[in-house]
PDB file of N, CA and C in Angstrom:
ATOM      1  N   MET A   1     -10.215  12.964  16.499  1.00  0.00           N
ATOM      2  CA  MET A   1      -8.893  12.278  16.737  1.00  0.00           C
ATOM      3  C   MET A   1      -8.635  11.234  15.759  1.00  0.00           C
ATOM      4  N   LYS A   2      -7.290  11.073  15.477  1.00  0.00           N
ATOM      5  CA  LYS A   2      -6.941   9.963  14.504  1.00  0.00           C
ATOM      6  C   LYS A   2      -6.905   8.594  15.222  1.00  0.00           C
ATOM      7  N   ASN A   3      -7.004   7.520  14.587  1.00  0.00           N
ATOM      8  CA  ASN A   3      -6.808   6.236  15.124  1.00  0.00           C
ATOM      9  C   ASN A   3      -5.313   6.112  15.707  1.00  0.00           C
ATOM     10  N   PRO A   4      -5.232   5.602  16.912  1.00  0.00           N
ATOM     11  CA  PRO A   4      -3.816   5.500  17.422  1.00  0.00           C
ATOM     12  C   PRO A   4      -2.889   4.307  16.749  1.00  0.00           C
ATOM     13  N   LEU A   5      -3.690   3.500  15.994  1.00  0.00           N
ATOM     14  CA  LEU A   5      -3.013   2.449  15.266  1.00  0.00           C
ATOM     15  C   LEU A   5      -2.121   3.053  14.137  1.00  0.00           C
ATOM     16  N   ILE A   6      -2.392   4.137  13.734  1.00  0.00           N
ATOM     17  CA  ILE A   6      -1.669   4.544  12.480  1.00  0.00           C
ATOM     18  C   ILE A   6      -0.254   4.894  12.779  1.00  0.00           C
ATOM     19  N   TYR A   7       0.109   5.204  13.963  1.00  0.00           N
ATOM     20  CA  TYR A   7       1.478   5.586  14.320  1.00  0.00           C
ATOM     21  C   TYR A   7       2.387   4.398  14.253  1.00  0.00           C
ATOM     22  N   PRO A   8       1.996   3.260  14.928  1.00  0.00           N
ATOM     23  CA  PRO A   8       2.836   2.094  14.838  1.00  0.00           C
ATOM     24  C   PRO A   8       3.030   1.522  13.442  1.00  0.00           C
ATOM     25  N   MET A   9       1.903   1.560  12.798  1.00  0.00           N
ATOM     26  CA  MET A   9       2.037   1.169  11.412  1.00  0.00           C
ATOM     27  C   MET A   9       2.976   1.994  10.448  1.00  0.00           C
ATOM     28  N   LEU A  10       2.926   3.275  10.698  1.00  0.00           N
ATOM     29  CA  LEU A  10       3.633   4.161   9.925  1.00  0.00           C
ATOM     30  C   LEU A  10       5.245   4.052  10.460  1.00  0.00           C
ATOM     31  N   ALA A  11       5.456   3.750  11.677  1.00  0.00           N
ATOM     32  CA  ALA A  11       6.735   3.464  12.226  1.00  0.00           C
ATOM     33  C   ALA A  11       7.367   2.250  11.678  1.00  0.00           C
ATOM     34  N   LEU A  12       6.577   1.292  11.413  1.00  0.00           N
ATOM     35  CA  LEU A  12       7.051   0.035  10.739  1.00  0.00           C
ATOM     36  C   LEU A  12       7.377   0.298   9.307  1.00  0.00           C
ATOM     37  N   LEU A  13       6.477   1.065   8.675  1.00  0.00           N
ATOM     38  CA  LEU A  13       6.945   1.511   7.367  1.00  0.00           C
ATOM     39  C   LEU A  13       8.118   2.235   7.253  1.00  0.00           C
ATOM     40  N   TRP A  14       8.429   3.181   8.051  1.00  0.00           N
ATOM     41  CA  TRP A  14       9.656   3.948   8.206  1.00  0.00           C
ATOM     42  C   TRP A  14      10.812   3.057   8.422  1.00  0.00           C
ATOM     43  N   LEU A  15      10.687   2.098   9.292  1.00  0.00           N
ATOM     44  CA  LEU A  15      11.743   1.212   9.559  1.00  0.00           C
ATOM     45  C   LEU A  15      12.114   0.308   8.307  1.00  0.00           C
ATOM     46  N   TYR A  16      11.049  -0.245   7.597  1.00  0.00           N
ATOM     47  CA  TYR A  16      11.322  -0.890   6.342  1.00  0.00           C
ATOM     48  C   TYR A  16      12.036   0.002   5.359  1.00  0.00           C
ATOM     49  N   LYS A  17      11.426   1.273   5.300  1.00  0.00           N
ATOM     50  CA  LYS A  17      11.939   2.078   4.096  1.00  0.00           C
ATOM     51  C   LYS A  17      13.470   2.427   4.286  1.00  0.00           C
ATOM     52  N   TYR A  18      13.911   2.610   5.508  1.00  0.00           N
ATOM     53  CA  TYR A  18      15.236   2.975   5.770  1.00  0.00           C
ATOM     54  C   TYR A  18      16.206   1.956   6.189  1.00  0.00           C
ATOM     55  N   THR A  19      15.892   0.662   6.317  1.00  0.00           N
ATOM     56  CA  THR A  19      16.738  -0.410   6.769  1.00  0.00           C
ATOM     57  C   THR A  19      16.644  -1.525   5.651  1.00  0.00           C
ATOM     58  N   ILE A  20      15.505  -2.027   5.425  1.00  0.00           N
ATOM     59  CA  ILE A  20      15.296  -3.243   4.475  1.00  0.00           C
ATOM     60  C   ILE A  20      15.443  -2.847   3.089  1.00  0.00           C
ATOM     61  N   SER A  21      14.674  -1.839   2.658  1.00  0.00           N
ATOM     62  CA  SER A  21      14.565  -1.429   1.287  1.00  0.00           C
ATOM     63  C   SER A  21      15.856  -0.955   0.580  1.00  0.00           C
ATOM     64  N   PRO A  22      16.846  -0.305   1.373  1.00  0.00           N
ATOM     65  CA  PRO A  22      18.187  -0.117   0.738  1.00  0.00           C
ATOM     66  C   PRO A  22      18.856  -1.342   0.448  1.00  0.00           C
ATOM     67  N   MET A  23      18.800  -2.332   1.317  1.00  0.00           N
ATOM     68  CA  MET A  23      19.594  -3.606   1.099  1.00  0.00           C
ATOM     69  C   MET A  23      18.956  -4.279  -0.184  1.00  0.00           C
ATOM     70  N   LEU A  24      17.573  -4.270  -0.370  1.00  0.00           N
ATOM     71  CA  LEU A  24      16.960  -4.884  -1.513  1.00  0.00           C
ATOM     72  C   LEU A  24      17.411  -4.195  -2.795  1.00  0.00           C
ATOM     73  N   THR A  25      17.468  -2.822  -2.694  1.00  0.00           N
ATOM     74  CA  THR A  25      17.838  -2.029  -3.966  1.00  0.00           C
ATOM     75  C   THR A  25      19.223  -2.392  -4.306  1.00  0.00           C
ATOM     76  N   TYR A  26      20.188  -2.721  -3.296  1.00  0.00           N
ATOM     77  CA  TYR A  26      21.538  -3.059  -3.610  1.00  0.00           C
ATOM     78  C   TYR A  26      21.676  -4.293  -4.375  1.00  0.00           C
ATOM     79  N   PHE A  27      20.615  -5.217  -4.053  1.00  0.00           N
ATOM     80  CA  PHE A  27      20.582  -6.533  -4.859  1.00  0.00           C
ATOM     81  C   PHE A  27      19.801  -6.457  -6.174  1.00  0.00           C
ATOM     82  N   GLY A  28      19.360  -5.263  -6.544  1.00  0.00           N
ATOM     83  CA  GLY A  28      18.596  -5.097  -7.812  1.00  0.00           C
ATOM     84  C   GLY A  28      17.112  -5.160  -7.685  1.00  0.00           C
ATOM     85  N   VAL A  29      16.534  -5.370  -6.547  1.00  0.00           N
ATOM     86  CA  VAL A  29      15.083  -5.514  -6.425  1.00  0.00           C
ATOM     87  C   VAL A  29      14.444  -3.988  -6.248  1.00  0.00           C
ATOM     88  N   ARG A  30      13.639  -3.684  -7.125  1.00  0.00           N
ATOM     89  CA  ARG A  30      13.049  -2.309  -7.249  1.00  0.00           C
ATOM     90  C   ARG A  30      11.574  -2.353  -7.364  1.00  0.00           C
ATOM     91  N   CYS A  31      10.797  -1.356  -6.919  1.00  0.00           N
ATOM     92  CA  CYS A  31       9.278  -1.444  -7.072  1.00  0.00           C
ATOM     93  C   CYS A  31       8.939  -1.195  -8.475  1.00  0.00           C
ATOM     94  N   ARG A  32       7.850  -1.818  -8.886  1.00  0.00           N
ATOM     95  CA  ARG A  32       7.336  -1.775 -10.205  1.00  0.00           C
ATOM     96  C   ARG A  32       6.397  -0.706 -10.505  1.00  0.00           C
ATOM     97  N   HIS A  33       5.973  -0.148  -9.320  1.00  0.00           N
ATOM     98  CA  HIS A  33       4.819   0.930  -9.433  1.00  0.00           C
ATOM     99  C   HIS A  33       5.523   2.304  -8.982  1.00  0.00           C
ATOM    100  N   THR A  34       4.737   3.355  -9.404  1.00  0.00           N
ATOM    101  CA  THR A  34       4.931   4.624  -8.866  1.00  0.00           C
ATOM    102  C   THR A  34       3.632   5.166  -8.193  1.00  0.00           C
ATOM    103  N   PRO A  35       3.665   5.643  -6.968  1.00  0.00           N
ATOM    104  CA  PRO A  35       4.683   5.696  -5.952  1.00  0.00           C
ATOM    105  C   PRO A  35       5.156   4.330  -5.550  1.00  0.00           C
ATOM    106  N   SER A  36       6.248   4.314  -4.876  1.00  0.00           N
ATOM    107  CA  SER A  36       6.743   2.953  -4.436  1.00  0.00           C
ATOM    108  C   SER A  36       5.735   2.358  -3.356  1.00  0.00           C
ATOM    109  N   CYS A  37       5.816   1.119  -3.077  1.00  0.00           N
ATOM    110  CA  CYS A  37       4.889   0.403  -2.317  1.00  0.00           C
ATOM    111  C   CYS A  37       4.903   0.877  -0.762  1.00  0.00           C
ATOM    112  N   SER A  38       6.081   1.260  -0.284  1.00  0.00           N
ATOM    113  CA  SER A  38       6.157   1.877   0.985  1.00  0.00           C
ATOM    114  C   SER A  38       5.427   3.223   0.990  1.00  0.00           C
ATOM    115  N   ASP A  39       5.652   4.060   0.010  1.00  0.00           N
ATOM    116  CA  ASP A  39       4.943   5.406  -0.059  1.00  0.00           C
ATOM    117  C   ASP A  39       3.431   5.175  -0.253  1.00  0.00           C
ATOM    118  N   TYR A  40       3.014   4.215  -1.116  1.00  0.00           N
ATOM    119  CA  TYR A  40       1.591   3.928  -1.306  1.00  0.00           C
ATOM    120  C   TYR A  40       0.956   3.566   0.034  1.00  0.00           C
ATOM    121  N   SER A  41       1.636   2.785   0.677  1.00  0.00           N
ATOM    122  CA  SER A  41       1.113   2.199   2.064  1.00  0.00           C
ATOM    123  C   SER A  41       0.839   3.382   3.027  1.00  0.00           C
ATOM    124  N   LYS A  42       1.914   4.261   3.075  1.00  0.00           N
ATOM    125  CA  LYS A  42       1.960   5.468   4.033  1.00  0.00           C
ATOM    126  C   LYS A  42       0.673   6.376   3.590  1.00  0.00           C
ATOM    127  N   PHE A  43       0.533   6.698   2.239  1.00  0.00           N
ATOM    128  CA  PHE A  43      -0.423   7.558   1.862  1.00  0.00           C
ATOM    129  C   PHE A  43      -1.940   6.775   2.121  1.00  0.00           C
ATOM    130  N   ALA A  44      -2.041   5.530   1.899  1.00  0.00           N
ATOM    131  CA  ALA A  44      -3.308   4.801   2.043  1.00  0.00           C
ATOM    132  C   ALA A  44      -3.704   4.790   3.631  1.00  0.00           C
ATOM    133  N   ILE A  45      -2.777   4.589   4.318  1.00  0.00           N
ATOM    134  CA  ILE A  45      -2.973   4.394   5.835  1.00  0.00           C
ATOM    135  C   ILE A  45      -3.352   5.978   6.488  1.00  0.00           C
ATOM    136  N   GLN A  46      -2.515   6.965   5.967  1.00  0.00           N
ATOM    137  CA  GLN A  46      -2.855   8.263   6.438  1.00  0.00           C
ATOM    138  C   GLN A  46      -4.130   8.741   5.902  1.00  0.00           C
ATOM    139  N   LYS A  47      -4.611   8.404   4.709  1.00  0.00           N
ATOM    140  CA  LYS A  47      -5.851   8.868   4.162  1.00  0.00           C
ATOM    141  C   LYS A  47      -7.073   8.286   4.439  1.00  0.00           C
ATOM    142  N   HIS A  48      -6.950   6.903   4.515  1.00  0.00           N
ATOM    143  CA  HIS A  48      -8.038   6.036   4.872  1.00  0.00           C
ATOM    144  C   HIS A  48      -8.190   5.281   6.124  1.00  0.00           C
ATOM    145  N   GLY A  49      -7.095   5.385   6.993  1.00  0.00           N
ATOM    146  CA  GLY A  49      -7.082   4.718   8.233  1.00  0.00           C
ATOM    147  C   GLY A  49      -6.445   3.441   8.122  1.00  0.00           C
ATOM    148  N   PRO A  50      -6.092   2.689   9.451  1.00  0.00           N
ATOM    149  CA  PRO A  50      -5.321   1.543   9.407  1.00  0.00           C
ATOM    150  C   PRO A  50      -6.009   0.377   8.790  1.00  0.00           C
ATOM    151  N   TRP A  51      -7.382   0.345   8.937  1.00  0.00           N
ATOM    152  CA  TRP A  51      -8.138  -0.840   8.353  1.00  0.00           C
ATOM    153  C   TRP A  51      -8.164  -0.831   6.880  1.00  0.00           C
ATOM    154  N   ALA A  52      -8.825   0.139   6.322  1.00  0.00           N
ATOM    155  CA  ALA A  52      -8.961   0.242   4.798  1.00  0.00           C
ATOM    156  C   ALA A  52      -7.550   0.414   4.243  1.00  0.00           C
ATOM    157  N   GLY A  53      -6.627   1.190   4.827  1.00  0.00           N
ATOM    158  CA  GLY A  53      -5.347   1.405   4.183  1.00  0.00           C
ATOM    159  C   GLY A  53      -4.554   0.142   4.311  1.00  0.00           C
ATOM    160  N   GLY A  54      -4.713  -0.696   5.354  1.00  0.00           N
ATOM    161  CA  GLY A  54      -4.089  -1.972   5.510  1.00  0.00           C
ATOM    162  C   GLY A  54      -4.483  -2.911   4.377  1.00  0.00           C
ATOM    163  N   TRP A  55      -5.705  -3.032   4.102  1.00  0.00           N
ATOM    164  CA  TRP A  55      -6.218  -3.800   3.028  1.00  0.00           C
ATOM    165  C   TRP A  55      -5.778  -3.346   1.627  1.00  0.00           C
ATOM    166  N   MET A  56      -5.779  -2.003   1.486  1.00  0.00           N
ATOM    167  CA  MET A  56      -5.193  -1.482   0.236  1.00  0.00           C
ATOM    168  C   MET A  56      -3.732  -1.819  -0.028  1.00  0.00           C
ATOM    169  N   THR A  57      -3.059  -1.780   1.130  1.00  0.00           N
ATOM    170  CA  THR A  57      -1.580  -2.134   1.124  1.00  0.00           C
ATOM    171  C   THR A  57      -1.367  -3.565   0.693  1.00  0.00           C
ATOM    172  N   LEU A  58      -2.097  -4.430   1.389  1.00  0.00           N
ATOM    173  CA  LEU A  58      -2.028  -5.878   1.027  1.00  0.00           C
ATOM    174  C   LEU A  58      -2.281  -6.237  -0.439  1.00  0.00           C
ATOM    175  N   ALA A  59      -3.389  -5.483  -0.958  1.00  0.00           N
ATOM    176  CA  ALA A  59      -3.642  -5.697  -2.340  1.00  0.00           C
ATOM    177  C   ALA A  59      -2.628  -5.130  -3.193  1.00  0.00           C
ATOM    178  N   ARG A  60      -2.056  -4.084  -2.925  1.00  0.00           N
ATOM    179  CA  ARG A  60      -0.948  -3.487  -3.625  1.00  0.00           C
ATOM    180  C   ARG A  60       0.373  -4.479  -3.647  1.00  0.00           C
ATOM    181  N   LEU A  61       0.600  -4.989  -2.549  1.00  0.00           N
ATOM    182  CA  LEU A  61       1.747  -5.944  -2.406  1.00  0.00           C
ATOM    183  C   LEU A  61       1.544  -7.190  -3.158  1.00  0.00           C
ATOM    184  N   SER A  62       0.314  -7.671  -3.217  1.00  0.00           N
ATOM    185  CA  SER A  62       0.015  -8.856  -4.072  1.00  0.00           C
ATOM    186  C   SER A  62       0.110  -8.524  -5.456  1.00  0.00           C
ATOM    187  N   ARG A  63       0.100  -7.356  -5.986  1.00  0.00           N
ATOM    188  CA  ARG A  63       0.265  -7.053  -7.404  1.00  0.00           C
ATOM    189  C   ARG A  63       1.776  -6.801  -7.774  1.00  0.00           C
ATOM    190  N   CYS A  64       2.605  -6.596  -6.848  1.00  0.00           N
ATOM    191  CA  CYS A  64       3.995  -6.228  -6.900  1.00  0.00           C
ATOM    192  C   CYS A  64       4.902  -7.454  -7.063  1.00  0.00           C
ATOM    193  N   HIS A  65       4.943  -8.089  -8.248  1.00  0.00           N
ATOM    194  CA  HIS A  65       5.793  -9.292  -8.493  1.00  0.00           C
ATOM    195  C   HIS A  65       6.072  -9.348  -9.932  1.00  0.00           C
ATOM    196  N   TRP A  66       6.918 -10.224 -10.412  1.00  0.00           N
ATOM    197  CA  TRP A  66       7.464 -10.185 -11.762  1.00  0.00           C
ATOM    198  C   TRP A  66       6.287 -10.269 -12.874  1.00  0.00           C
ATOM    199  N   PHE A  67       5.266 -10.920 -12.553  1.00  0.00           N
ATOM    200  CA  PHE A  67       4.159 -11.078 -13.523  1.00  0.00           C
ATOM    201  C   PHE A  67       2.922 -10.354 -13.123  1.00  0.00           C
ATOM    202  N   GLY A  68       3.169  -9.352 -12.206  1.00  0.00           N
ATOM    203  CA  GLY A  68       2.175  -8.443 -11.741  1.00  0.00           C
ATOM    204  C   GLY A  68       2.028  -7.120 -12.690  1.00  0.00           C
ATOM    205  N   THR A  69       1.357  -6.194 -12.041  1.00  0.00           N
ATOM    206  CA  THR A  69       1.087  -4.907 -12.883  1.00  0.00           C
ATOM    207  C   THR A  69       2.393  -4.042 -12.591  1.00  0.00           C
ATOM    208  N   SER A  70       2.397  -2.985 -13.433  1.00  0.00           N
ATOM    209  CA  SER A  70       3.459  -1.893 -13.190  1.00  0.00           C
ATOM    210  C   SER A  70       2.886  -0.583 -13.697  1.00  0.00           C
ATOM    211  N   GLY A  71       3.586   0.405 -13.402  1.00  0.00           N
ATOM    212  CA  GLY A  71       3.027   1.702 -13.735  1.00  0.00           C
ATOM    213  C   GLY A  71       2.638   2.585 -12.636  1.00  0.00           C
ATOM    214  N   VAL A  72       1.820   3.646 -12.874  1.00  0.00           N
ATOM    215  CA  VAL A  72       1.349   4.617 -11.879  1.00  0.00           C
ATOM    216  C   VAL A  72       0.170   3.858 -11.333  1.00  0.00           C
ATOM    217  N   ASP A  73       0.157   3.956 -10.002  1.00  0.00           N
ATOM    218  CA  ASP A  73      -0.948   3.374  -9.161  1.00  0.00           C
ATOM    219  C   ASP A  73      -1.058   4.184  -7.969  1.00  0.00           C
ATOM    220  N   ASN A  74      -2.009   5.216  -7.950  1.00  0.00           N
ATOM    221  CA  ASN A  74      -2.297   6.112  -6.840  1.00  0.00           C
ATOM    222  C   ASN A  74      -3.288   5.565  -5.870  1.00  0.00           C
ATOM    223  N   VAL A  75      -3.224   6.071  -4.688  1.00  0.00           N
ATOM    224  CA  VAL A  75      -4.280   5.759  -3.681  1.00  0.00           C
ATOM    225  C   VAL A  75      -5.538   6.287  -4.043  1.00  0.00           C
ATOM    226  N   PRO A  76      -6.598   5.481  -4.164  1.00  0.00           N
ATOM    227  CA  PRO A  76      -7.999   6.070  -4.563  1.00  0.00           C
ATOM    228  C   PRO A  76      -8.261   7.229  -3.591  1.00  0.00           C
ATOM    229  N   GLU A  77      -8.969   8.200  -4.155  1.00  0.00           N
ATOM    230  CA  GLU A  77      -9.460   9.280  -3.230  1.00  0.00           C
ATOM    231  C   GLU A  77     -10.699   8.873  -2.413  1.00  0.00           C
ATOM    232  N   THR A  78     -11.548   8.095  -3.092  1.00  0.00           N
ATOM    233  CA  THR A  78     -12.717   7.592  -2.482  1.00  0.00           C
ATOM    234  C   THR A  78     -12.949   6.142  -2.880  1.00  0.00           C
ATOM    235  N   PHE A  79     -13.769   5.447  -2.129  1.00  0.00           N
ATOM    236  CA  PHE A  79     -13.995   4.106  -2.556  1.00  0.00           C
ATOM    237  C   PHE A  79     -15.371   3.758  -1.895  1.00  0.00           C
ATOM    238  N   LYS A  80     -16.060   2.567  -2.394  1.00  0.00           N
ATOM    239  CA  LYS A  80     -17.384   2.225  -1.711  1.00  0.00           C
ATOM    240  C   LYS A  80     -16.929   1.423  -0.634  1.00  0.00           C
ATOM    241  N   THR A  81     -17.564   1.673   0.487  1.00  0.00           N
ATOM    242  CA  THR A  81     -17.452   0.831   1.740  1.00  0.00           C
ATOM    243  C   THR A  81     -18.008  -0.442   1.521  1.00  0.00           C
ATOM    244  N   PRO A  82     -17.052  -1.524   1.684  1.00  0.00           N
ATOM    245  CA  PRO A  82     -17.549  -2.919   1.397  1.00  0.00           C
ATOM    246  C   PRO A  82     -18.445  -3.300   2.764  1.00  0.00           C
ATOM    247  N   PRO A  83     -19.157  -4.509   2.599  1.00  0.00           N
ATOM    248  CA  PRO A  83     -19.862  -4.963   3.729  1.00  0.00           C
ATOM    249  C   PRO A  83     -18.719  -5.448   4.722  1.00  0.00           C
ATOM    250  N   PHE A  84     -19.234  -5.560   5.983  1.00  0.00           N
ATOM    251  CA  PHE A  84     -18.334  -5.887   7.111  1.00  0.00           C
ATOM    252  C   PHE A  84     -17.672  -7.389   6.871  1.00  0.00           C
ATOM    253  N   TRP A  85     -18.435  -8.191   6.221  1.00  0.00           N
ATOM    254  CA  TRP A  85     -17.941  -9.490   6.091  1.00  0.00           C
ATOM    255  C   TRP A  85     -17.007  -9.681   4.867  1.00  0.00           C
ATOM    256  N   ALA A  86     -16.753  -8.518   4.171  1.00  0.00           N
ATOM    257  CA  ALA A  86     -15.847  -8.670   2.903  1.00  0.00           C
ATOM    258  C   ALA A  86     -14.793  -7.452   3.014  1.00  0.00           C
ATOM    259  N   PRO A  87     -13.882  -7.434   3.946  1.00  0.00           N
ATOM    260  CA  PRO A  87     -12.903  -6.273   4.043  1.00  0.00           C
ATOM    261  C   PRO A  87     -12.060  -6.257   2.835  1.00  0.00           C
ATOM    262  N   TRP A  88     -11.772  -7.366   2.258  1.00  0.00           N
ATOM    263  CA  TRP A  88     -10.735  -7.460   1.133  1.00  0.00           C
ATOM    264  C   TRP A  88     -11.274  -6.718  -0.037  1.00  0.00           C
ATOM    265  N   ARG A  89     -12.435  -6.083  -0.071  1.00  0.00           N
ATOM    266  CA  ARG A  89     -12.902  -5.379  -1.150  1.00  0.00           C
ATOM    267  C   ARG A  89     -12.432  -3.867  -1.143  1.00  0.00           C
ATOM    268  N   TYR A  90     -11.770  -3.472  -0.063  1.00  0.00           N
ATOM    269  CA  TYR A  90     -11.075  -2.236   0.015  1.00  0.00           C
ATOM    270  C   TYR A  90     -10.090  -2.087  -1.032  1.00  0.00           C
ATOM    271  N   GLY A  91      -9.367  -3.048  -1.319  1.00  0.00           N
ATOM    272  CA  GLY A  91      -8.188  -3.114  -2.158  1.00  0.00           C
ATOM    273  C   GLY A  91      -8.512  -3.385  -3.628  1.00  0.00           C
ATOM    274  N   LEU A  92      -7.834  -2.887  -4.552  1.00  0.00           N
ATOM    275  CA  LEU A  92      -7.851  -3.246  -5.904  1.00  0.00           C
ATOM    276  C   LEU A  92      -6.849  -4.359  -6.181  1.00  0.00           C
ATOM    277  N   TRP A  93      -7.278  -5.609  -6.438  1.00  0.00           N
ATOM    278  CA  TRP A  93      -6.333  -6.787  -6.577  1.00  0.00           C
ATOM    279  C   TRP A  93      -5.815  -6.920  -7.853  1.00  0.00           C
ATOM    280  N   ARG A  94      -6.482  -6.348  -8.929  1.00  0.00           N
ATOM    281  CA  ARG A  94      -5.819  -6.533 -10.370  1.00  0.00           C
ATOM    282  C   ARG A  94      -5.734  -5.149 -10.941  1.00  0.00           C
ATOM    283  N   GLY A  95      -4.841  -4.959 -11.796  1.00  0.00           N
ATOM    284  CA  GLY A  95      -4.743  -3.664 -12.619  1.00  0.00           C
ATOM    285  C   GLY A  95      -4.161  -2.633 -11.740  1.00  0.00           C
ATOM    286  N   THR A  96      -4.194  -1.440 -12.283  1.00  0.00           N
ATOM    287  CA  THR A  96      -3.630  -0.264 -11.497  1.00  0.00           C
ATOM    288  C   THR A  96      -4.750   0.756 -11.519  1.00  0.00           C
ATOM    289  N   ASN A  97      -4.715   1.625 -10.472  1.00  0.00           N
ATOM    290  CA  ASN A  97      -5.672   2.645 -10.282  1.00  0.00           C
ATOM    291  C   ASN A  97      -5.070   3.865 -10.753  1.00  0.00           C
ATOM    292  N   THR A  98      -5.565   4.414 -11.782  1.00  0.00           N
ATOM    293  CA  THR A  98      -4.956   5.679 -12.430  1.00  0.00           C
ATOM    294  C   THR A  98      -5.774   6.893 -12.044  1.00  0.00           C
ATOM    295  N   ASP A  99      -6.751   6.770 -11.131  1.00  0.00           N
ATOM    296  CA  ASP A  99      -7.606   7.882 -10.812  1.00  0.00           C
ATOM    297  C   ASP A  99      -6.850   9.003 -10.110  1.00  0.00           C
TER     298      ASP A  99
END
């Protein structure tokens, strides 16, 4: 059985994608990566669960700014499980993941 936290997280992503994101696009704000940040978050949460996918999402959002990275950045297929005291190691905080 999948983790039940996946569904509220995906619902929030859906709400953002269809309400806030169109308003930001109207003002000229666009995602610098492919796939978009909301799609990346959805794939990461579905593939790796709410905990690891949430950290991957946070790392991706931290790279998405004017001086950040751009280009193709896919969700990694596999990753090394970090120690319990370092959950931030799930995410790639610099560069893009082209695997």
